[in-house]
Amino acid sequence: DPEYAQELRAEYDSIKPGYHMHKQQWNSVYVQTGELTQQLIKELIDHSYEMVVKGLSKKLRESLN
């Protein structure tokens, strides 16, 4: 979600436009700064996974289950 990506960048210095990716839709997350909690990092990973799976074909999505 491009709006969510922008919100995260505005809130955290450790989140920047995606490196070598679509910069409006993907973020790079720099965890070594210590700014982000483990919980937030896990939520971001889960969100990214859900967005990628959502874009897969029905057959591929079903094969993940």
C-alpha atoms as a PDB file:
ATOM      1  CA  ASP A   1       0.000   0.000   0.000  1.00  0.00           C
ATOM      2  CA  PRO A   2       1.774   3.188  -1.152  1.00  0.00           C
ATOM      3  CA  GLU A   3       0.088   5.329   1.501  1.00  0.00           C
ATOM      4  CA  TYR A   4       1.196   2.995   4.287  1.00  0.00           C
ATOM      5  CA  ALA A   5       4.732   3.011   2.870  1.00  0.00           C
ATOM      6  CA  GLN A   6       4.779   6.822   2.988  1.00  0.00           C
ATOM      7  CA  GLU A   7       3.405   6.881   6.545  1.00  0.00           C
ATOM      8  CA  LEU A   8       6.141   4.528   7.749  1.00  0.00           C
ATOM      9  CA  ARG A   9       8.863   6.656   6.122  1.00  0.00           C
ATOM     10  CA  ALA A  10       7.480   9.791   7.735  1.00  0.00           C
ATOM     11  CA  GLU A  11       7.391   8.162  11.175  1.00  0.00           C
ATOM     12  CA  TYR A  12      10.706   6.280  11.203  1.00  0.00           C
ATOM     13  CA  ASP A  13      14.163   7.371  10.034  1.00  0.00           C
ATOM     14  CA  SER A  14      15.087   3.677   9.688  1.00  0.00           C
ATOM     15  CA  ILE A  15      12.538   3.124   6.915  1.00  0.00           C
ATOM     16  CA  LYS A  16      13.461   4.453   3.481  1.00  0.00           C
ATOM     17  CA  PRO A  17      12.229   3.978  -0.111  1.00  0.00           C
ATOM     18  CA  GLY A  18      12.885   0.445  -1.348  1.00  0.00           C
ATOM     19  CA  TYR A  19      16.423  -0.204  -2.536  1.00  0.00           C
ATOM     20  CA  HIS A  20      16.302  -1.500  -6.137  1.00  0.00           C
ATOM     21  CA  MET A  21      12.515  -1.857  -5.912  1.00  0.00           C
ATOM     22  CA  HIS A  22       9.376   0.116  -6.767  1.00  0.00           C
ATOM     23  CA  LYS A  23      10.038   3.071  -4.477  1.00  0.00           C
ATOM     24  CA  GLN A  24       6.390   4.057  -4.039  1.00  0.00           C
ATOM     25  CA  GLN A  25       5.261   0.636  -2.879  1.00  0.00           C
ATOM     26  CA  TRP A  26       8.251  -0.930  -1.128  1.00  0.00           C
ATOM     27  CA  ASN A  27      10.422   0.164   1.749  1.00  0.00           C
ATOM     28  CA  SER A  28      13.881  -0.794   2.895  1.00  0.00           C
ATOM     29  CA  VAL A  29      14.024  -1.329   6.650  1.00  0.00           C
ATOM     30  CA  TYR A  30      17.316  -0.720   8.443  1.00  0.00           C
ATOM     31  CA  VAL A  31      17.104  -2.668  11.693  1.00  0.00           C
ATOM     32  CA  GLN A  32      20.672  -2.075  12.892  1.00  0.00           C
ATOM     33  CA  THR A  33      19.784   1.452  14.065  1.00  0.00           C
ATOM     34  CA  GLY A  34      17.758   0.083  17.004  1.00  0.00           C
ATOM     35  CA  GLU A  35      14.866   2.453  16.296  1.00  0.00           C
ATOM     36  CA  LEU A  36      12.345  -0.259  15.422  1.00  0.00           C
ATOM     37  CA  THR A  37      10.886  -2.754  17.865  1.00  0.00           C
ATOM     38  CA  GLN A  38      10.979  -6.464  17.126  1.00  0.00           C
ATOM     39  CA  GLN A  39       7.178  -6.436  17.113  1.00  0.00           C
ATOM     40  CA  LEU A  40       7.053  -3.754  14.399  1.00  0.00           C
ATOM     41  CA  ILE A  41       9.644  -5.585  12.308  1.00  0.00           C
ATOM     42  CA  LYS A  42       7.586  -8.786  12.524  1.00  0.00           C
ATOM     43  CA  GLU A  43       4.423  -6.879  11.576  1.00  0.00           C
ATOM     44  CA  LEU A  44       6.179  -5.367   8.547  1.00  0.00           C
ATOM     45  CA  ILE A  45       7.414  -8.800   7.438  1.00  0.00           C
ATOM     46  CA  ASP A  46       3.923 -10.277   7.811  1.00  0.00           C
ATOM     47  CA  HIS A  47       2.389  -7.351   5.912  1.00  0.00           C
ATOM     48  CA  SER A  48       4.891  -7.736   3.053  1.00  0.00           C
ATOM     49  CA  TYR A  49       4.261 -11.479   2.862  1.00  0.00           C
ATOM     50  CA  GLU A  50       0.495 -10.953   2.751  1.00  0.00           C
ATOM     51  CA  MET A  51       0.812  -8.365  -0.021  1.00  0.00           C
ATOM     52  CA  VAL A  52       3.022 -10.640  -2.140  1.00  0.00           C
ATOM     53  CA  VAL A  53       0.755 -13.667  -1.630  1.00  0.00           C
ATOM     54  CA  LYS A  54      -2.288 -11.550  -2.491  1.00  0.00           C
ATOM     55  CA  GLY A  55      -0.741 -10.869  -5.913  1.00  0.00           C
ATOM     56  CA  LEU A  56      -0.175 -14.553  -6.710  1.00  0.00           C
ATOM     57  CA  SER A  57      -2.501 -16.659  -8.797  1.00  0.00           C
ATOM     58  CA  LYS A  58      -5.147 -18.659  -6.945  1.00  0.00           C
ATOM     59  CA  LYS A  59      -3.317 -21.901  -7.738  1.00  0.00           C
ATOM     60  CA  LEU A  60      -0.048 -20.635  -6.266  1.00  0.00           C
ATOM     61  CA  ARG A  61      -1.785 -19.233  -3.192  1.00  0.00           C
ATOM     62  CA  GLU A  62      -3.458 -22.587  -2.550  1.00  0.00           C
ATOM     63  CA  SER A  63      -0.123 -24.414  -2.939  1.00  0.00           C
ATOM     64  CA  LEU A  64       1.236 -22.375   0.005  1.00  0.00           C
ATOM     65  CA  ASN A  65      -1.340 -23.861   2.357  1.00  0.00           C
END
